[in-house]
Structures are given as C-alpha cells and as structure tokens.
C-alpha cells in the first residue's frame, strides 16, 4: 500500500529503452515489467513496481533531483556500473553518513550510490 505524500515511484527518461534495461539489469540486477516499446516498469525486490524507464526523444538535461541507490559494497557497485557501460561521474568519496559515488547511465541520467562504509 502506498503511503500518503511519500515518494512512491521514480521515472527515468532514456534515449534507448533496451540499452537502459540491459545497463540496469547488469549493474544492479534490476528486473522490469514491459508495457510496450516505449515504457518499462522497474520491479523492486518484493515484486512491486517502484519506478519506470520511459523512452524519450532527447537526452536528459540534468539539474533535477538526484536519485540515490543503497549498496552494501560500494566498490563492487562502482565496478558493476563501469562493466555495464555506465560512466562514473564522481569517484567514491566520504561523507558524514558513509561513502558514495555518482554515475551516468548510457542515456546520461545521473544517479548516486551510497554505503554506510
């Protein structure tokens, strides 16, 4: 059940839907619900849809909210992003809550990944 006024769903615009699905599946193990050639829902670990990939005509322009993923092994996540074809935009750095890095997916969306250590 969704919570009133809570962030419920995150949607990313991508320029190549199949490439984006491959990237997120390889880098993070994400699974998808396909809704045709222009949209694919992102399934969370419990099978509930938590977001989506939307086919767009143009690359993201940046400057919007930063989506952060959690990792239990930040260094392995950095390598998984690179191996899947993403670009590490900000190398891992320490912050008061742990460590994090930023990456760009093949369409240019920038996300972050953080870890407690």
C-alpha atoms as a PDB file:
ATOM      1  CA  UNK A   1       0.000   0.000   0.000  1.00  0.00           C
ATOM      2  CA  UNK A   2       1.314   3.444  -0.896  1.00  0.00           C
ATOM      3  CA  UNK A   3       1.943   5.991   1.851  1.00  0.00           C
ATOM      4  CA  UNK A   4       0.268   9.425   1.661  1.00  0.00           C
ATOM      5  CA  UNK A   5       2.716  12.107   0.420  1.00  0.00           C
ATOM      6  CA  UNK A   6       5.671   9.678   0.349  1.00  0.00           C
ATOM      7  CA  UNK A   7       7.903   9.288  -2.712  1.00  0.00           C
ATOM      8  CA  UNK A   8       6.228   6.362  -4.412  1.00  0.00           C
ATOM      9  CA  UNK A   9       7.693   5.998  -7.889  1.00  0.00           C
ATOM     10  CA  UNK A  10      10.768   7.244  -9.782  1.00  0.00           C
ATOM     11  CA  UNK A  11      10.702   7.500 -13.561  1.00  0.00           C
ATOM     12  CA  UNK A  12      13.796   7.982 -15.731  1.00  0.00           C
ATOM     13  CA  UNK A  13      13.691   9.240 -19.295  1.00  0.00           C
ATOM     14  CA  UNK A  14      16.046   7.229 -21.521  1.00  0.00           C
ATOM     15  CA  UNK A  15      17.031   7.501 -25.190  1.00  0.00           C
ATOM     16  CA  UNK A  16      17.363   3.737 -25.782  1.00  0.00           C
ATOM     17  CA  UNK A  17      14.992   1.620 -23.703  1.00  0.00           C
ATOM     18  CA  UNK A  18      16.600  -1.767 -24.387  1.00  0.00           C
ATOM     19  CA  UNK A  19      20.113  -0.450 -23.685  1.00  0.00           C
ATOM     20  CA  UNK A  20      18.921   1.160 -20.442  1.00  0.00           C
ATOM     21  CA  UNK A  21      17.271  -2.086 -19.321  1.00  0.00           C
ATOM     22  CA  UNK A  22      20.479  -4.029 -20.057  1.00  0.00           C
ATOM     23  CA  UNK A  23      22.562  -1.482 -18.155  1.00  0.00           C
ATOM     24  CA  UNK A  24      20.419  -1.502 -15.002  1.00  0.00           C
ATOM     25  CA  UNK A  25      19.988  -5.286 -15.094  1.00  0.00           C
ATOM     26  CA  UNK A  26      23.751  -5.846 -15.422  1.00  0.00           C
ATOM     27  CA  UNK A  27      24.865  -3.150 -12.967  1.00  0.00           C
ATOM     28  CA  UNK A  28      22.221  -3.599 -10.263  1.00  0.00           C
ATOM     29  CA  UNK A  29      20.204  -6.735 -11.036  1.00  0.00           C
ATOM     30  CA  UNK A  30      17.007  -4.803 -11.725  1.00  0.00           C
ATOM     31  CA  UNK A  31      14.034  -6.572 -13.315  1.00  0.00           C
ATOM     32  CA  UNK A  32      11.333  -4.992 -15.452  1.00  0.00           C
ATOM     33  CA  UNK A  33       7.662  -5.114 -16.452  1.00  0.00           C
ATOM     34  CA  UNK A  34       7.429  -4.271 -20.148  1.00  0.00           C
ATOM     35  CA  UNK A  35       4.485  -2.133 -21.293  1.00  0.00           C
ATOM     36  CA  UNK A  36       5.346  -1.891 -24.980  1.00  0.00           C
ATOM     37  CA  UNK A  37       8.175  -0.321 -26.936  1.00  0.00           C
ATOM     38  CA  UNK A  38       8.224   2.992 -25.002  1.00  0.00           C
ATOM     39  CA  UNK A  39       7.931   2.070 -21.311  1.00  0.00           C
ATOM     40  CA  UNK A  40       9.205  -0.484 -18.856  1.00  0.00           C
ATOM     41  CA  UNK A  41       8.377  -0.575 -15.146  1.00  0.00           C
ATOM     42  CA  UNK A  42      11.142  -1.232 -12.599  1.00  0.00           C
ATOM     43  CA  UNK A  43      10.311  -4.034 -10.147  1.00  0.00           C
ATOM     44  CA  UNK A  44      11.513  -3.738  -6.571  1.00  0.00           C
ATOM     45  CA  UNK A  45      12.902  -6.663  -4.578  1.00  0.00           C
ATOM     46  CA  UNK A  46       9.407  -7.629  -3.408  1.00  0.00           C
ATOM     47  CA  UNK A  47       7.998  -7.593  -6.970  1.00  0.00           C
ATOM     48  CA  UNK A  48       6.185  -4.267  -6.553  1.00  0.00           C
ATOM     49  CA  UNK A  49       6.777  -1.702  -9.255  1.00  0.00           C
ATOM     50  CA  UNK A  50       8.854   1.169  -7.835  1.00  0.00           C
ATOM     51  CA  UNK A  51       9.657   3.168 -10.957  1.00  0.00           C
ATOM     52  CA  UNK A  52       9.966   3.128 -14.692  1.00  0.00           C
ATOM     53  CA  UNK A  53      12.096   3.747 -17.741  1.00  0.00           C
ATOM     54  CA  UNK A  54      10.375   5.996 -20.284  1.00  0.00           C
ATOM     55  CA  UNK A  55      11.632   6.312 -23.877  1.00  0.00           C
ATOM     56  CA  UNK A  56      12.384   9.970 -24.678  1.00  0.00           C
ATOM     57  CA  UNK A  57      13.449  11.689 -27.889  1.00  0.00           C
ATOM     58  CA  UNK A  58      16.237  13.654 -26.204  1.00  0.00           C
ATOM     59  CA  UNK A  59      18.864  13.002 -23.555  1.00  0.00           C
ATOM     60  CA  UNK A  60      18.186  14.222 -20.001  1.00  0.00           C
ATOM     61  CA  UNK A  61      19.299  17.804 -19.399  1.00  0.00           C
ATOM     62  CA  UNK A  62      20.387  17.280 -15.798  1.00  0.00           C
ATOM     63  CA  UNK A  63      19.865  19.519 -12.841  1.00  0.00           C
ATOM     64  CA  UNK A  64      16.866  17.625 -11.483  1.00  0.00           C
ATOM     65  CA  UNK A  65      16.583  15.646  -8.258  1.00  0.00           C
ATOM     66  CA  UNK A  66      19.384  13.179  -7.563  1.00  0.00           C
ATOM     67  CA  UNK A  67      18.161   9.602  -7.098  1.00  0.00           C
ATOM     68  CA  UNK A  68      20.339   7.649  -4.631  1.00  0.00           C
ATOM     69  CA  UNK A  69      20.628   3.862  -4.501  1.00  0.00           C
ATOM     70  CA  UNK A  70      21.945   1.973  -1.458  1.00  0.00           C
ATOM     71  CA  UNK A  71      24.804  -0.535  -1.686  1.00  0.00           C
ATOM     72  CA  UNK A  72      26.281  -2.936   0.844  1.00  0.00           C
ATOM     73  CA  UNK A  73      29.539  -2.963  -1.217  1.00  0.00           C
ATOM     74  CA  UNK A  74      30.215   0.426  -2.795  1.00  0.00           C
ATOM     75  CA  UNK A  75      33.437  -0.608  -4.551  1.00  0.00           C
ATOM     76  CA  UNK A  76      31.685  -3.558  -6.220  1.00  0.00           C
ATOM     77  CA  UNK A  77      28.884  -1.205  -7.322  1.00  0.00           C
ATOM     78  CA  UNK A  78      31.431   1.151  -8.929  1.00  0.00           C
ATOM     79  CA  UNK A  79      32.898  -1.751 -10.903  1.00  0.00           C
ATOM     80  CA  UNK A  80      29.432  -3.050 -11.871  1.00  0.00           C
ATOM     81  CA  UNK A  81      28.488   0.385 -13.260  1.00  0.00           C
ATOM     82  CA  UNK A  82      31.664   0.513 -15.351  1.00  0.00           C
ATOM     83  CA  UNK A  83      31.308  -3.089 -16.559  1.00  0.00           C
ATOM     84  CA  UNK A  84      27.697  -2.459 -17.629  1.00  0.00           C
ATOM     85  CA  UNK A  85      28.673   0.595 -19.702  1.00  0.00           C
ATOM     86  CA  UNK A  86      27.953   3.438 -17.299  1.00  0.00           C
ATOM     87  CA  UNK A  87      30.278   6.338 -16.540  1.00  0.00           C
ATOM     88  CA  UNK A  88      31.437   7.172 -13.024  1.00  0.00           C
ATOM     89  CA  UNK A  89      30.888  10.943 -12.829  1.00  0.00           C
ATOM     90  CA  UNK A  90      32.116  11.400  -9.243  1.00  0.00           C
ATOM     91  CA  UNK A  91      34.526   8.858  -7.773  1.00  0.00           C
ATOM     92  CA  UNK A  92      33.708   7.434  -4.316  1.00  0.00           C
ATOM     93  CA  UNK A  93      34.086   9.929  -1.503  1.00  0.00           C
ATOM     94  CA  UNK A  94      33.428  10.005   2.237  1.00  0.00           C
ATOM     95  CA  UNK A  95      30.560  11.991   3.744  1.00  0.00           C
ATOM     96  CA  UNK A  96      29.265  12.041   7.352  1.00  0.00           C
ATOM     97  CA  UNK A  97      26.925   9.060   6.735  1.00  0.00           C
ATOM     98  CA  UNK A  98      29.421   6.825   4.881  1.00  0.00           C
ATOM     99  CA  UNK A  99      30.637   6.865   1.267  1.00  0.00           C
ATOM    100  CA  UNK A 100      29.046   7.492  -2.116  1.00  0.00           C
ATOM    101  CA  UNK A 101      29.666   7.998  -5.829  1.00  0.00           C
ATOM    102  CA  UNK A 102      27.713   9.351  -8.784  1.00  0.00           C
ATOM    103  CA  UNK A 103      27.317   7.756 -12.201  1.00  0.00           C
ATOM    104  CA  UNK A 104      25.664   8.422 -15.535  1.00  0.00           C
ATOM    105  CA  UNK A 105      23.667   5.715 -17.288  1.00  0.00           C
ATOM    106  CA  UNK A 106      24.011   5.260 -21.081  1.00  0.00           C
ATOM    107  CA  UNK A 107      21.285   7.900 -21.663  1.00  0.00           C
ATOM    108  CA  UNK A 108      23.008  10.460 -19.427  1.00  0.00           C
ATOM    109  CA  UNK A 109      20.832  10.216 -16.291  1.00  0.00           C
ATOM    110  CA  UNK A 110      22.957  10.899 -13.217  1.00  0.00           C
ATOM    111  CA  UNK A 111      22.274   8.847 -10.096  1.00  0.00           C
ATOM    112  CA  UNK A 112      24.211   8.247  -6.904  1.00  0.00           C
ATOM    113  CA  UNK A 113      25.010   5.171  -4.856  1.00  0.00           C
ATOM    114  CA  UNK A 114      25.797   5.315  -1.159  1.00  0.00           C
ATOM    115  CA  UNK A 115      27.021   2.933   1.508  1.00  0.00           C
ATOM    116  CA  UNK A 116      27.364   3.129   5.252  1.00  0.00           C
ATOM    117  CA  UNK A 117      31.073   2.283   4.974  1.00  0.00           C
END
